[in-house]
Amino acid sequence: MKYRYQSLPLKKTLSGYTLIPLLFSMLLISPYGFTKEMKEKSIQYSHILELSHPIKESIPLWPGDPEVSFKSVATMSKDGYYLRQFTIGEHSATHMNAPNSFVDNGQGIDSFPASSLVLPAIVINVKAAVKNNPDYIISMKDIQSWEKVNGQIPAETLVFFNTGWGDYWSTPEKFINQDKQGVLHFPGISGEVTGFLISQRQIGGLGIDTHGLDPSQSEIYQTNTLLATHHKIALECVANLDQMPVKGATIAIGLLRLNQGSGAPVSITAFIPE
């Protein structure tokens, strides 16, 4: 198999900017999906949106997860440069779950080829349903309503669910929403929906603005287990979904390739068309 590389600048087009393959050459070197020659791909966009929350010591944490901490180990005055050490759980901040976090002998976060981390994205808005029911479970009705207006969800798409929960990110107690009995309350995706999207729409993965893709009170984690079983992308604590278009965007996921990691904080960049 031969690959050809080009070193070209960004080209401005009427519809935005065309991203020349050099920028994503590292994302296109996998042989998955290609037969003989490298297929040239481009992304047209008018602006870029960040879909990851900044990592601070005060971010919301799943009960029992490690605290986020930063420690200075070198300073300009003493060492001539600045360096910190940080500690964070693999499932904290905006993050991606790995198959081995929900499936025995599953693969780690480092098993995802770079080519799988750039994909089209859609957003399904369920804020109205969640407003009066924090335990809302996303159902097939939500999928059918979206497809009635926008058409069938394309294959290899990352499906985001905007529940409005991201509005609570700066208030950790409300974001986690744990009652006096220790029960969590936030919306999530039903196993039926996840199974349908994987088998009938061949999606690339799912993302949500809450701290869990599964409904908060689930004890079997059906959505995460299905995604893990099929080696699909699973994103949680996603930011700025209100600023995403319903369809037409492309996302690029930058992850920490932790050896056999159960997950990792990620930086998600969205390329937004005109």
Protein backbone atom coordinates (compact mmCIF):
# COMPACT_ATOMS: atom_id res chain seq x y z
CA MET A 1 0.00 0.00 0.00
CA LYS A 2 1.39 3.39 -0.99
CA TYR A 3 0.50 6.70 0.54
CA ARG A 4 1.06 10.10 -0.98
CA TYR A 5 1.51 13.23 1.06
CA GLN A 6 1.17 16.85 0.00
CA SER A 7 2.51 19.93 1.68
CA LEU A 8 -0.03 22.60 0.78
CA PRO A 9 -1.45 25.70 2.51
CA LEU A 10 -5.06 26.27 3.57
CA LYS A 11 -7.26 27.26 0.65
CA LYS A 12 -10.13 29.71 1.10
CA THR A 13 -13.32 28.80 -0.73
CA LEU A 14 -16.74 30.38 -1.04
CA SER A 15 -18.10 27.99 1.56
CA GLY A 16 -15.33 28.56 4.08
CA TYR A 17 -11.88 27.06 4.41
CA THR A 18 -10.85 23.76 2.88
CA LEU A 19 -8.54 21.85 5.17
CA ILE A 20 -5.77 20.35 3.09
CA PRO A 21 -4.70 16.78 3.97
CA LEU A 22 -1.34 17.86 5.43
CA LEU A 23 -3.04 19.14 8.59
CA PHE A 24 -4.62 15.76 9.12
CA SER A 25 -2.01 13.53 7.51
CA MET A 26 -1.57 11.85 10.88
CA LEU A 27 -5.29 11.17 10.90
CA LEU A 28 -5.38 9.53 7.48
CA ILE A 29 -2.55 7.02 7.60
CA SER A 30 -4.64 4.10 8.81
CA PRO A 31 -5.43 1.52 6.13
CA TYR A 32 -8.95 1.01 7.56
CA GLY A 33 -11.50 1.67 4.85
CA PHE A 34 -8.96 2.14 2.04
CA THR A 35 -8.01 -0.31 -0.68
CA LYS A 36 -5.11 0.87 -2.84
CA GLU A 37 -4.49 4.59 -2.72
CA MET A 38 -4.95 7.20 -0.02
CA LYS A 39 -8.25 9.01 -0.50
CA GLU A 40 -7.91 12.77 -0.26
CA LYS A 41 -10.34 14.29 2.22
CA SER A 42 -11.13 17.87 3.09
CA ILE A 43 -13.19 19.74 5.66
CA GLN A 44 -14.99 22.94 4.76
CA TYR A 45 -15.74 25.30 7.62
CA SER A 46 -16.34 28.93 8.47
CA HIS A 47 -15.32 28.78 12.13
CA ILE A 48 -14.07 26.43 14.82
CA LEU A 49 -15.76 25.55 18.10
CA GLU A 50 -14.24 24.00 21.24
CA LEU A 51 -16.38 21.21 22.71
CA SER A 52 -14.24 20.49 25.79
CA HIS A 53 -14.40 22.10 29.20
CA PRO A 54 -11.19 23.59 30.66
CA ILE A 55 -9.70 21.29 33.29
CA LYS A 56 -9.64 22.86 36.74
CA GLU A 57 -9.49 21.54 40.28
CA SER A 58 -13.10 22.64 40.75
CA ILE A 59 -14.71 20.64 37.91
CA PRO A 60 -17.63 18.28 38.68
CA LEU A 61 -16.48 14.78 39.57
CA TRP A 62 -18.29 11.46 39.65
CA PRO A 63 -18.66 10.41 43.30
CA GLY A 64 -15.55 8.52 44.38
CA ASP A 65 -13.39 9.57 41.43
CA PRO A 66 -9.89 10.97 42.08
CA GLU A 67 -9.60 14.68 42.78
CA VAL A 68 -8.06 16.90 40.13
CA SER A 69 -4.83 18.47 41.33
CA PHE A 70 -1.94 20.54 39.97
CA LYS A 71 1.48 20.82 41.56
CA SER A 72 4.33 23.06 40.44
CA VAL A 73 7.57 21.12 40.07
CA ALA A 74 9.65 23.82 38.35
CA THR A 75 9.41 27.60 38.34
CA MET A 76 10.93 30.37 36.24
CA SER A 77 12.65 31.95 39.23
CA LYS A 78 14.25 28.74 40.47
CA ASP A 79 14.65 26.56 37.39
CA GLY A 80 14.42 28.88 34.42
CA TYR A 81 11.27 27.22 33.12
CA TYR A 82 7.73 26.43 34.35
CA LEU A 83 6.42 22.87 34.77
CA ARG A 84 3.50 21.31 36.60
CA GLN A 85 2.45 17.82 37.53
CA PHE A 86 -1.25 17.02 37.32
CA THR A 87 -3.53 14.27 38.59
CA ILE A 88 -6.91 13.43 37.08
CA GLY A 89 -9.12 10.37 36.75
CA GLU A 90 -9.45 8.77 33.34
CA HIS A 91 -13.18 9.55 33.31
CA SER A 92 -13.07 13.17 34.45
CA ALA A 93 -13.60 16.44 32.55
CA THR A 94 -14.69 16.14 28.92
CA HIS A 95 -13.60 12.57 28.27
CA MET A 96 -13.89 9.48 26.11
CA ASN A 97 -14.57 6.03 27.52
CA ALA A 98 -12.62 3.01 26.32
CA PRO A 99 -14.12 -0.45 25.70
CA ASN A 100 -12.23 -1.97 28.63
CA SER A 101 -14.11 0.27 31.06
CA PHE A 102 -17.33 -1.69 30.44
CA VAL A 103 -16.32 -4.98 28.79
CA ASP A 104 -14.04 -7.66 30.22
CA ASN A 105 -10.84 -7.93 28.18
CA GLY A 106 -11.89 -4.91 26.13
CA GLN A 107 -9.35 -2.72 24.41
CA GLY A 108 -7.88 0.43 25.95
CA ILE A 109 -8.27 4.02 24.88
CA ASP A 110 -5.08 3.74 22.82
CA SER A 111 -6.77 1.21 20.51
CA PHE A 112 -8.69 3.84 18.51
CA PRO A 113 -6.92 4.61 15.22
CA ALA A 114 -6.47 8.29 14.49
CA SER A 115 -8.60 7.92 11.36
CA SER A 116 -11.63 7.04 13.52
CA LEU A 117 -11.41 10.29 15.49
CA VAL A 118 -12.43 12.66 12.68
CA LEU A 119 -16.08 12.28 11.73
CA PRO A 120 -19.29 14.16 10.92
CA ALA A 121 -21.53 15.14 13.82
CA ILE A 122 -25.19 15.86 14.41
CA VAL A 123 -26.95 17.23 17.48
CA ILE A 124 -30.30 16.03 18.81
CA ASN A 125 -31.82 18.55 21.21
CA VAL A 126 -33.85 17.08 24.10
CA LYS A 127 -33.70 20.11 26.41
CA ALA A 128 -37.47 20.60 26.46
CA ALA A 129 -38.08 17.05 27.70
CA VAL A 130 -35.31 17.29 30.31
CA LYS A 131 -36.46 20.66 31.69
CA ASN A 132 -39.17 19.16 33.89
CA ASN A 133 -37.64 15.70 34.29
CA PRO A 134 -33.95 15.45 35.23
CA ASP A 135 -34.23 11.65 35.00
CA TYR A 136 -35.40 11.79 31.39
CA ILE A 137 -34.40 8.77 29.30
CA ILE A 138 -33.77 9.53 25.64
CA SER A 139 -36.06 7.29 23.57
CA MET A 140 -36.75 6.25 20.00
CA LYS A 141 -39.31 9.06 19.83
CA ASP A 142 -36.44 11.57 20.00
CA ILE A 143 -34.64 9.83 17.13
CA GLN A 144 -37.78 9.64 15.00
CA SER A 145 -38.57 13.31 15.59
CA TRP A 146 -35.06 14.35 14.51
CA GLU A 147 -35.09 12.17 11.39
CA LYS A 148 -38.55 13.39 10.38
CA VAL A 149 -37.15 16.91 10.05
CA ASN A 150 -33.52 16.24 9.04
CA GLY A 151 -33.54 12.91 7.24
CA GLN A 152 -31.92 9.62 8.19
CA ILE A 153 -28.82 9.80 10.37
CA PRO A 154 -25.83 9.06 8.09
CA ALA A 155 -23.50 6.17 8.82
CA GLU A 156 -20.25 6.86 10.72
CA THR A 157 -21.77 9.93 12.36
CA LEU A 158 -21.11 11.04 15.94
CA VAL A 159 -24.53 11.64 17.48
CA PHE A 160 -24.54 14.28 20.23
CA PHE A 161 -27.45 14.73 22.61
CA ASN A 162 -27.94 18.23 23.95
CA THR A 163 -29.81 17.88 27.23
CA GLY A 164 -28.99 21.35 28.53
CA TRP A 165 -27.04 19.82 31.40
CA GLY A 166 -23.90 21.64 30.34
CA ASP A 167 -25.43 24.81 31.79
CA TYR A 168 -24.71 23.37 35.26
CA TRP A 169 -21.01 22.64 34.67
CA SER A 170 -19.87 25.58 36.79
CA THR A 171 -22.06 24.34 39.67
CA PRO A 172 -20.70 20.84 40.41
CA GLU A 173 -23.37 19.96 42.98
CA LYS A 174 -26.13 20.62 40.46
CA PHE A 175 -24.26 18.96 37.61
CA ILE A 176 -23.82 15.70 39.57
CA ASN A 177 -27.25 16.19 41.21
CA GLN A 178 -26.91 13.59 43.97
CA ASP A 179 -29.78 13.48 46.45
CA LYS A 180 -29.63 12.81 50.19
CA GLN A 181 -29.93 9.08 49.57
CA GLY A 182 -26.89 9.18 47.29
CA VAL A 183 -28.92 8.71 44.11
CA LEU A 184 -27.81 10.65 41.03
CA HIS A 185 -30.29 12.46 38.82
CA PHE A 186 -29.46 13.43 35.21
CA PRO A 187 -30.70 12.36 31.77
CA GLY A 188 -29.22 9.60 29.65
CA ILE A 189 -29.69 7.42 26.58
CA SER A 190 -31.77 4.25 26.56
CA GLY A 191 -30.23 0.96 25.50
CA GLU A 192 -32.92 0.66 22.83
CA VAL A 193 -31.81 3.89 21.19
CA THR A 194 -28.14 2.94 21.35
CA GLY A 195 -28.77 -0.51 19.90
CA PHE A 196 -30.82 0.99 17.06
CA LEU A 197 -28.23 3.62 16.21
CA ILE A 198 -25.43 1.04 16.12
CA SER A 199 -27.26 -1.67 14.18
CA GLN A 200 -29.57 0.35 11.93
CA ARG A 201 -27.66 3.59 11.44
CA GLN A 202 -24.05 2.34 11.80
CA ILE A 203 -23.06 5.41 13.82
CA GLY A 204 -19.49 6.23 14.77
CA GLY A 205 -20.37 6.94 18.38
CA LEU A 206 -22.37 8.94 20.90
CA GLY A 207 -21.74 12.05 22.97
CA ILE A 208 -23.64 13.86 25.71
CA ASP A 209 -23.27 16.91 27.95
CA THR A 210 -23.96 15.00 31.20
CA HIS A 211 -21.50 12.94 33.24
CA GLY A 212 -22.83 9.71 31.78
CA LEU A 213 -24.24 8.40 28.51
CA ASP A 214 -26.43 5.99 30.46
CA PRO A 215 -29.37 7.24 32.52
CA SER A 216 -28.03 8.29 35.93
CA GLN A 217 -29.77 5.52 37.83
CA SER A 218 -28.82 2.71 35.49
CA GLU A 219 -27.06 -0.21 37.14
CA ILE A 220 -26.28 -2.15 33.95
CA TYR A 221 -24.81 0.66 31.82
CA GLN A 222 -26.43 -0.71 28.67
CA THR A 223 -25.52 2.22 26.42
CA ASN A 224 -21.86 2.25 27.42
CA THR A 225 -21.68 -1.54 27.21
CA LEU A 226 -23.11 -1.57 23.68
CA LEU A 227 -20.70 1.14 22.56
CA ALA A 228 -17.79 -0.72 24.16
CA THR A 229 -18.78 -4.04 22.61
CA HIS A 230 -18.84 -2.50 19.13
CA HIS A 231 -15.73 -0.35 19.71
CA LYS A 232 -17.60 2.92 19.21
CA ILE A 233 -16.73 6.39 20.46
CA ALA A 234 -18.28 7.34 23.82
CA LEU A 235 -17.99 11.00 24.85
CA GLU A 236 -19.22 12.50 28.13
CA CYS A 237 -19.26 15.99 29.68
CA VAL A 238 -19.23 17.60 26.23
CA ALA A 239 -19.29 21.42 26.19
CA ASN A 240 -20.95 24.06 24.00
CA LEU A 241 -23.53 21.86 22.28
CA ASP A 242 -25.88 24.86 22.16
CA GLN A 243 -23.48 26.42 19.64
CA MET A 244 -23.39 23.38 17.37
CA PRO A 245 -25.52 23.16 14.22
CA VAL A 246 -28.10 20.40 14.00
CA LYS A 247 -26.03 18.81 11.22
CA GLY A 248 -23.15 19.61 8.89
CA ALA A 249 -20.30 19.92 11.40
CA THR A 250 -17.18 17.75 11.52
CA ILE A 251 -15.38 16.97 14.75
CA ALA A 252 -11.79 15.96 15.51
CA ILE A 253 -11.06 14.26 18.83
CA GLY A 254 -7.63 14.63 20.40
CA LEU A 255 -7.07 12.08 23.15
CA LEU A 256 -4.32 11.14 25.55
CA ARG A 257 -3.09 7.76 24.36
CA LEU A 258 -2.83 6.24 27.81
CA ASN A 259 -1.57 2.68 27.53
CA GLN A 260 -4.57 0.42 28.15
CA GLY A 261 -6.40 3.39 29.65
CA SER A 262 -10.06 2.93 30.59
CA GLY A 263 -10.66 6.38 29.14
CA ALA A 264 -8.99 9.76 28.84
CA PRO A 265 -9.73 13.47 28.88
CA VAL A 266 -10.14 14.70 25.32
CA SER A 267 -10.03 17.92 23.36
CA ILE A 268 -12.88 17.98 20.84
CA THR A 269 -12.65 20.47 17.99
CA ALA A 270 -15.73 21.13 15.86
CA PHE A 271 -15.42 22.53 12.33
CA ILE A 272 -18.61 24.50 11.68
CA PRO A 273 -19.80 25.19 8.12
CA GLU A 274 -21.45 28.43 7.03
